[in-house]
C-alpha atoms as a PDB file:
ATOM      1  CA  MET A   1      -8.121  26.037  14.816  1.00  0.00           C
ATOM      2  CA  GLY A   2      -4.570  25.662  15.106  1.00  0.00           C
ATOM      3  CA  PHE A   3      -3.310  25.476  11.330  1.00  0.00           C
ATOM      4  CA  LYS A   4      -0.422  27.393   9.492  1.00  0.00           C
ATOM      5  CA  VAL A   5      -1.937  29.215   6.733  1.00  0.00           C
ATOM      6  CA  ILE A   6       0.876  30.075   3.829  1.00  0.00           C
ATOM      7  CA  PRO A   7       0.151  33.374   2.218  1.00  0.00           C
ATOM      8  CA  SER A   8      -1.962  33.091  -0.886  1.00  0.00           C
ATOM      9  CA  ALA A   9      -2.928  34.963  -3.952  1.00  0.00           C
ATOM     10  CA  ALA A  10      -4.476  32.201  -5.305  1.00  0.00           C
ATOM     11  CA  ASN A  11      -8.446  31.015  -4.963  1.00  0.00           C
ATOM     12  CA  PHE A  12      -6.919  28.036  -2.884  1.00  0.00           C
ATOM     13  CA  LEU A  13      -4.982  27.953   0.575  1.00  0.00           C
ATOM     14  CA  LEU A  14      -1.930  25.896   1.653  1.00  0.00           C
ATOM     15  CA  VAL A  15      -2.611  24.832   5.507  1.00  0.00           C
ATOM     16  CA  LYS A  16      -0.766  22.307   7.880  1.00  0.00           C
ATOM     17  CA  HIS A  17      -1.954  21.344  11.516  1.00  0.00           C
ATOM     18  CA  GLU A  18       1.037  20.878  14.079  1.00  0.00           C
ATOM     19  CA  ALA A  19      -0.788  18.325  15.944  1.00  0.00           C
ATOM     20  CA  HIS A  20      -2.763  16.487  13.097  1.00  0.00           C
ATOM     21  CA  GLU A  21      -1.073  14.281  10.224  1.00  0.00           C
ATOM     22  CA  GLY A  22      -1.751  15.783   6.995  1.00  0.00           C
ATOM     23  CA  ILE A  23      -2.947  12.498   5.396  1.00  0.00           C
ATOM     24  CA  THR A  24      -5.247  11.692   8.655  1.00  0.00           C
ATOM     25  CA  LEU A  25      -6.998  14.887   7.909  1.00  0.00           C
ATOM     26  CA  ALA A  26      -7.159  14.576   3.892  1.00  0.00           C
ATOM     27  CA  GLN A  27      -8.612  10.920   4.788  1.00  0.00           C
ATOM     28  CA  GLY A  28     -10.900  12.009   7.227  1.00  0.00           C
ATOM     29  CA  LEU A  29     -12.166  14.939   5.038  1.00  0.00           C
ATOM     30  CA  ARG A  30     -12.787  12.595   2.347  1.00  0.00           C
ATOM     31  CA  LYS A  31     -15.143  10.594   4.853  1.00  0.00           C
ATOM     32  CA  GLN A  32     -17.277  13.241   5.397  1.00  0.00           C
ATOM     33  CA  GLY A  33     -17.918  14.132   1.296  1.00  0.00           C
ATOM     34  CA  VAL A  34     -15.035  17.122   1.281  1.00  0.00           C
ATOM     35  CA  ILE A  35     -12.581  17.158  -0.973  1.00  0.00           C
ATOM     36  CA  ILE A  36      -9.420  18.634  -0.713  1.00  0.00           C
ATOM     37  CA  ARG A  37      -5.780  18.312  -2.206  1.00  0.00           C
ATOM     38  CA  HIS A  38      -3.122  16.241  -0.276  1.00  0.00           C
ATOM     39  CA  PHE A  39       0.407  15.817  -1.795  1.00  0.00           C
ATOM     40  CA  HIS A  40       2.779  12.994  -0.962  1.00  0.00           C
ATOM     41  CA  GLN A  41       6.357  15.170  -1.646  1.00  0.00           C
ATOM     42  CA  ASP A  42       8.070  14.854   1.434  1.00  0.00           C
ATOM     43  CA  ARG A  43       8.114  18.784   1.895  1.00  0.00           C
ATOM     44  CA  ILE A  44       4.678  19.475   1.217  1.00  0.00           C
ATOM     45  CA  ALA A  45       3.690  16.213   2.758  1.00  0.00           C
ATOM     46  CA  GLN A  46       1.874  17.241   5.908  1.00  0.00           C
ATOM     47  CA  TYR A  47      -0.071  20.164   4.044  1.00  0.00           C
ATOM     48  CA  LEU A  48      -3.566  20.347   2.485  1.00  0.00           C
ATOM     49  CA  ARG A  49      -4.530  22.521  -0.626  1.00  0.00           C
ATOM     50  CA  ILE A  50      -7.865  23.695  -0.063  1.00  0.00           C
ATOM     51  CA  THR A  51      -9.887  25.743  -2.854  1.00  0.00           C
ATOM     52  CA  ILE A  52     -11.760  28.569  -1.568  1.00  0.00           C
ATOM     53  CA  GLY A  53     -15.692  27.817  -2.341  1.00  0.00           C
ATOM     54  CA  SER A  54     -18.835  29.105  -1.528  1.00  0.00           C
ATOM     55  CA  GLU A  55     -19.859  30.204   1.726  1.00  0.00           C
ATOM     56  CA  GLN A  56     -21.965  27.111   2.155  1.00  0.00           C
ATOM     57  CA  ASP A  57     -18.689  25.317   1.083  1.00  0.00           C
ATOM     58  CA  ASN A  58     -16.536  26.835   3.744  1.00  0.00           C
ATOM     59  CA  GLN A  59     -19.071  26.314   6.424  1.00  0.00           C
ATOM     60  CA  ARG A  60     -18.913  22.615   5.632  1.00  0.00           C
ATOM     61  CA  LEU A  61     -15.116  22.437   5.545  1.00  0.00           C
ATOM     62  CA  LEU A  62     -15.157  24.125   8.775  1.00  0.00           C
ATOM     63  CA  MET A  63     -17.345  21.732  10.363  1.00  0.00           C
ATOM     64  CA  ALA A  64     -15.249  18.833   9.458  1.00  0.00           C
ATOM     65  CA  LEU A  65     -12.244  20.270  10.495  1.00  0.00           C
ATOM     66  CA  LYS A  66     -13.734  20.829  13.511  1.00  0.00           C
ATOM     67  CA  SER A  67     -15.101  17.176  13.956  1.00  0.00           C
ATOM     68  CA  LEU A  68     -11.669  15.811  13.167  1.00  0.00           C
ATOM     69  CA  ILE A  69      -9.317  18.238  15.114  1.00  0.00           C
ATOM     70  CA  THR A  70     -11.409  17.320  17.922  1.00  0.00           C
ATOM     71  CA  GLU A  71     -11.847  13.780  17.795  1.00  0.00           C
ATOM     72  CA  GLN A  72      -8.230  13.118  17.865  1.00  0.00           C
END
Protein backbone atom coordinates (compact mmCIF):
# COMPACT_ATOMS: atom_id res chain seq x y z
CA MET A 1 0.00 0.00 0.00
CA GLY A 2 3.00 2.29 -0.10
CA PHE A 3 3.94 2.39 3.59
CA LYS A 4 7.47 2.59 4.93
CA VAL A 5 7.64 0.25 7.94
CA ILE A 6 10.31 0.64 10.60
CA PRO A 7 11.67 -2.80 11.65
CA SER A 8 10.18 -3.87 14.98
CA ALA A 9 10.57 -6.70 17.46
CA ALA A 10 7.60 -5.47 19.50
CA ASN A 11 3.85 -5.91 19.13
CA PHE A 12 3.49 -2.71 17.14
CA LEU A 13 4.59 -1.20 13.85
CA LEU A 14 5.73 2.34 13.17
CA VAL A 15 4.64 3.19 9.63
CA LYS A 16 4.66 6.18 7.32
CA HIS A 17 3.04 6.72 3.93
CA GLU A 18 5.04 8.82 1.48
CA ALA A 19 1.97 10.34 -0.21
CA HIS A 20 -0.32 10.92 2.81
CA GLU A 21 0.07 12.99 5.97
CA GLY A 22 0.21 11.00 9.20
CA ILE A 23 -2.34 13.19 10.97
CA THR A 24 -4.78 12.90 8.06
CA LEU A 25 -4.56 9.11 8.07
CA ALA A 26 -4.91 8.99 11.87
CA GLN A 27 -8.02 11.19 11.79
CA GLY A 28 -9.54 9.17 8.95
CA LEU A 29 -8.95 5.92 10.81
CA ARG A 30 -10.54 7.30 13.97
CA LYS A 31 -13.62 8.35 12.00
CA GLN A 32 -13.92 4.71 10.92
CA GLY A 33 -13.54 3.49 14.51
CA VAL A 34 -9.95 2.28 14.12
CA ILE A 35 -7.75 3.60 16.93
CA ILE A 36 -4.01 3.96 16.34
CA ARG A 37 -1.41 6.27 17.88
CA HIS A 38 -0.17 9.40 16.20
CA PHE A 39 2.56 11.55 17.75
CA HIS A 40 3.01 15.28 17.14
CA GLN A 41 6.79 15.40 17.72
CA ASP A 42 8.61 16.68 14.65
CA ARG A 43 10.77 13.60 14.02
CA ILE A 44 7.83 11.19 14.01
CA ALA A 45 4.86 13.39 13.08
CA GLN A 46 4.34 11.53 9.80
CA TYR A 47 4.33 8.10 11.45
CA LEU A 48 1.49 6.01 12.83
CA ARG A 49 1.99 3.51 15.65
CA ILE A 50 -0.14 0.48 14.91
CA THR A 51 -0.55 -2.25 17.51
CA ILE A 52 -0.83 -5.77 16.17
CA GLY A 53 -4.28 -7.11 17.00
CA SER A 54 -6.44 -10.06 16.17
CA GLU A 55 -6.83 -11.18 12.57
CA GLN A 56 -10.24 -9.46 12.50
CA ASP A 57 -8.75 -6.22 13.88
CA ASN A 58 -5.94 -6.32 11.34
CA GLN A 59 -8.35 -6.89 8.44
CA ARG A 60 -10.48 -3.95 9.61
CA LEU A 61 -7.37 -1.76 9.75
CA LEU A 62 -6.29 -2.80 6.25
CA MET A 63 -9.73 -2.12 4.79
CA ALA A 64 -9.87 1.29 6.47
CA LEU A 65 -6.37 2.21 5.24
CA LYS A 66 -7.20 1.14 1.69
CA SER A 67 -10.30 3.30 1.68
CA LEU A 68 -8.36 6.32 2.93
CA ILE A 69 -5.48 5.92 0.51
CA THR A 70 -7.71 5.49 -2.54
CA GLU A 71 -10.05 8.38 -1.70
CA GLN A 72 -7.37 11.02 -1.17
